C-alpha atoms as a PDB file:
ATOM      1  CA  MET A   1       0.000   0.000   0.000  1.00  0.00           C
ATOM      2  CA  GLU A   2       2.915   2.312   0.679  1.00  0.00           C
ATOM      3  CA  ASP A   3       4.015   2.017  -2.974  1.00  0.00           C
ATOM      4  CA  LEU A   4       0.836   3.764  -4.125  1.00  0.00           C
ATOM      5  CA  ASP A   5       1.346   6.842  -1.922  1.00  0.00           C
ATOM      6  CA  TYR A   6       2.053   9.650  -4.413  1.00  0.00           C
ATOM      7  CA  LEU A   7       2.430  12.281  -1.724  1.00  0.00           C
ATOM      8  CA  ASP A   8       5.332  10.575   0.014  1.00  0.00           C
ATOM      9  CA  ASP A   9       7.222  13.079   2.187  1.00  0.00           C
ATOM     10  CA  GLU A  10      10.576  11.401   1.515  1.00  0.00           C
ATOM     11  CA  ASP A  11      10.412  12.069  -2.265  1.00  0.00           C
ATOM     12  CA  THR A  12      11.717  15.665  -2.262  1.00  0.00           C
ATOM     13  CA  ALA A  13      12.840  15.575  -5.912  1.00  0.00           C
ATOM     14  CA  GLY A  14       9.316  14.713  -7.053  1.00  0.00           C
ATOM     15  CA  THR A  15       7.861  17.499  -4.901  1.00  0.00           C
ATOM     16  CA  VAL A  16      10.277  20.059  -6.317  1.00  0.00           C
ATOM     17  CA  PHE A  17       9.538  18.866  -9.861  1.00  0.00           C
ATOM     18  CA  ARG A  18       5.778  19.197  -9.306  1.00  0.00           C
ATOM     19  CA  ASP A  19       6.231  22.653  -7.783  1.00  0.00           C
ATOM     20  CA  VAL A  20       8.351  23.889 -10.700  1.00  0.00           C
ATOM     21  CA  ILE A  21       5.955  22.468 -13.302  1.00  0.00           C
ATOM     22  CA  LEU A  22       2.952  23.968 -11.487  1.00  0.00           C
ATOM     23  CA  LEU A  23       4.634  27.392 -11.214  1.00  0.00           C
ATOM     24  CA  ALA A  24       5.548  27.323 -14.914  1.00  0.00           C
ATOM     25  CA  LEU A  25       1.969  26.407 -15.812  1.00  0.00           C
ATOM     26  CA  ILE A  26       0.562  29.183 -13.617  1.00  0.00           C
ATOM     27  CA  GLY A  27       3.009  31.676 -15.181  1.00  0.00           C
ATOM     28  CA  PHE A  28       2.006  30.635 -18.694  1.00  0.00           C
ATOM     29  CA  VAL A  29      -1.703  30.908 -17.878  1.00  0.00           C
ATOM     30  CA  ALA A  30      -1.136  34.332 -16.280  1.00  0.00           C
ATOM     31  CA  MET A  31       0.692  35.581 -19.405  1.00  0.00           C
ATOM     32  CA  VAL A  32      -2.099  34.324 -21.660  1.00  0.00           C
ATOM     33  CA  VAL A  33      -4.729  36.032 -19.489  1.00  0.00           C
ATOM     34  CA  MET A  34      -2.760  39.301 -19.558  1.00  0.00           C
ATOM     35  CA  LEU A  35      -2.313  39.171 -23.359  1.00  0.00           C
ATOM     36  CA  LEU A  36      -5.938  38.334 -24.223  1.00  0.00           C
ATOM     37  CA  PRO A  37      -7.217  41.951 -23.989  1.00  0.00           C
ATOM     38  CA  HIS A  38      -4.528  43.059 -26.450  1.00  0.00           C
ATOM     39  CA  LEU A  39      -5.647  40.723 -29.232  1.00  0.00           C
ATOM     40  CA  GLN A  40      -7.809  42.392 -31.848  1.00  0.00           C
ATOM     41  CA  PRO A  41      -9.834  40.629 -34.506  1.00  0.00           C
ATOM     42  CA  PRO A  42      -8.879  41.498 -38.093  1.00  0.00           C
ATOM     43  CA  GLN A  43     -10.809  44.513 -39.299  1.00  0.00           C
ATOM     44  CA  GLU A  44     -12.901  44.340 -42.420  1.00  0.00           C
ATOM     45  CA  GLU A  45     -11.716  46.456 -45.323  1.00  0.00           C
ATOM     46  CA  GLN A  46     -13.903  49.496 -45.726  1.00  0.00           C
ATOM     47  CA  GLU A  47     -14.630  51.300 -48.933  1.00  0.00           C
ATOM     48  CA  GLU A  48     -12.668  54.477 -49.479  1.00  0.00           C
ATOM     49  CA  ALA A  49     -14.544  57.427 -48.025  1.00  0.00           C
ATOM     50  CA  LYS A  50     -15.651  59.964 -50.593  1.00  0.00           C
ATOM     51  CA  ALA A  51     -14.909  63.583 -49.828  1.00  0.00           C
ATOM     52  CA  PRO A  52     -17.738  66.085 -50.010  1.00  0.00           C
ATOM     53  CA  GLY A  53     -18.080  68.171 -53.169  1.00  0.00           C
ATOM     54  CA  ASN A  54     -16.909  71.438 -51.613  1.00  0.00           C
ATOM     55  CA  VAL A  55     -13.515  71.433 -49.986  1.00  0.00           C
ATOM     56  CA  MET A  56     -11.893  74.510 -48.472  1.00  0.00           C
ATOM     57  CA  VAL A  57      -8.103  74.688 -48.324  1.00  0.00           C
ATOM     58  CA  GLU A  58      -6.364  77.349 -46.256  1.00  0.00           C
ATOM     59  CA  MET A  59      -2.643  78.036 -45.901  1.00  0.00           C
ATOM     60  CA  HIS A  60      -0.811  80.269 -43.408  1.00  0.00           C
ATOM     61  CA  TRP A  61       2.775  81.451 -43.257  1.00  0.00           C
ATOM     62  CA  PRO A  62       4.603  83.939 -40.994  1.00  0.00           C
ATOM     63  CA  ASN A  63       3.745  87.611 -41.519  1.00  0.00           C
ATOM     64  CA  ASP A  64       7.398  88.645 -41.472  1.00  0.00           C
ATOM     65  CA  MET A  65       8.152  86.413 -44.469  1.00  0.00           C
ATOM     66  CA  PRO A  66       8.702  88.693 -47.512  1.00  0.00           C
ATOM     67  CA  TYR A  67       7.549  86.089 -50.048  1.00  0.00           C
ATOM     68  CA  ASP A  68       4.222  85.544 -51.755  1.00  0.00           C
ATOM     69  CA  VAL A  69       3.103  81.926 -51.711  1.00  0.00           C
ATOM     70  CA  ASP A  70       0.519  80.555 -54.160  1.00  0.00           C
ATOM     71  CA  LEU A  71      -1.468  77.472 -53.281  1.00  0.00           C
ATOM     72  CA  TRP A  72      -2.462  75.045 -56.022  1.00  0.00           C
ATOM     73  CA  VAL A  73      -4.655  72.004 -55.376  1.00  0.00           C
ATOM     74  CA  LYS A  74      -5.298  69.156 -57.775  1.00  0.00           C
ATOM     75  CA  ALA A  75      -7.949  66.489 -57.342  1.00  0.00           C
ATOM     76  CA  PRO A  76      -7.307  63.063 -58.855  1.00  0.00           C
ATOM     77  CA  GLY A  77      -8.061  63.219 -62.587  1.00  0.00           C
ATOM     78  CA  GLU A  78      -8.955  66.928 -62.631  1.00  0.00           C
ATOM     79  CA  LEU A  79      -7.274  70.207 -63.527  1.00  0.00           C
ATOM     80  CA  PRO A  80      -5.267  72.030 -60.873  1.00  0.00           C
ATOM     81  CA  VAL A  81      -7.052  74.834 -59.048  1.00  0.00           C
ATOM     82  CA  GLY A  82      -5.168  77.897 -57.846  1.00  0.00           C
ATOM     83  CA  PHE A  83      -5.105  81.694 -57.877  1.00  0.00           C
ATOM     84  CA  TRP A  84      -5.030  82.047 -61.697  1.00  0.00           C
ATOM     85  CA  ASN A  85      -7.295  79.062 -62.431  1.00  0.00           C
ATOM     86  CA  GLN A  86     -10.274  79.163 -60.099  1.00  0.00           C
END
């Protein structure tokens, strides 16, 4: 009957082995639990948002700058729009 006693006090190597394995398992489970909130499901691809028809563009530069700056904007597939071509 004594051969079937798994919790024998004289088997210190087995106790240490069980303790180390249990601590490693608890550490692994703790890391998984801490990482779960950081996982994100893959996001679905959304269609490209279309800009509204009227877009206002404004540009600022320092007042003490002695240069005149012209702003030109070009939409995809359209003519550029600027001071001389409104």
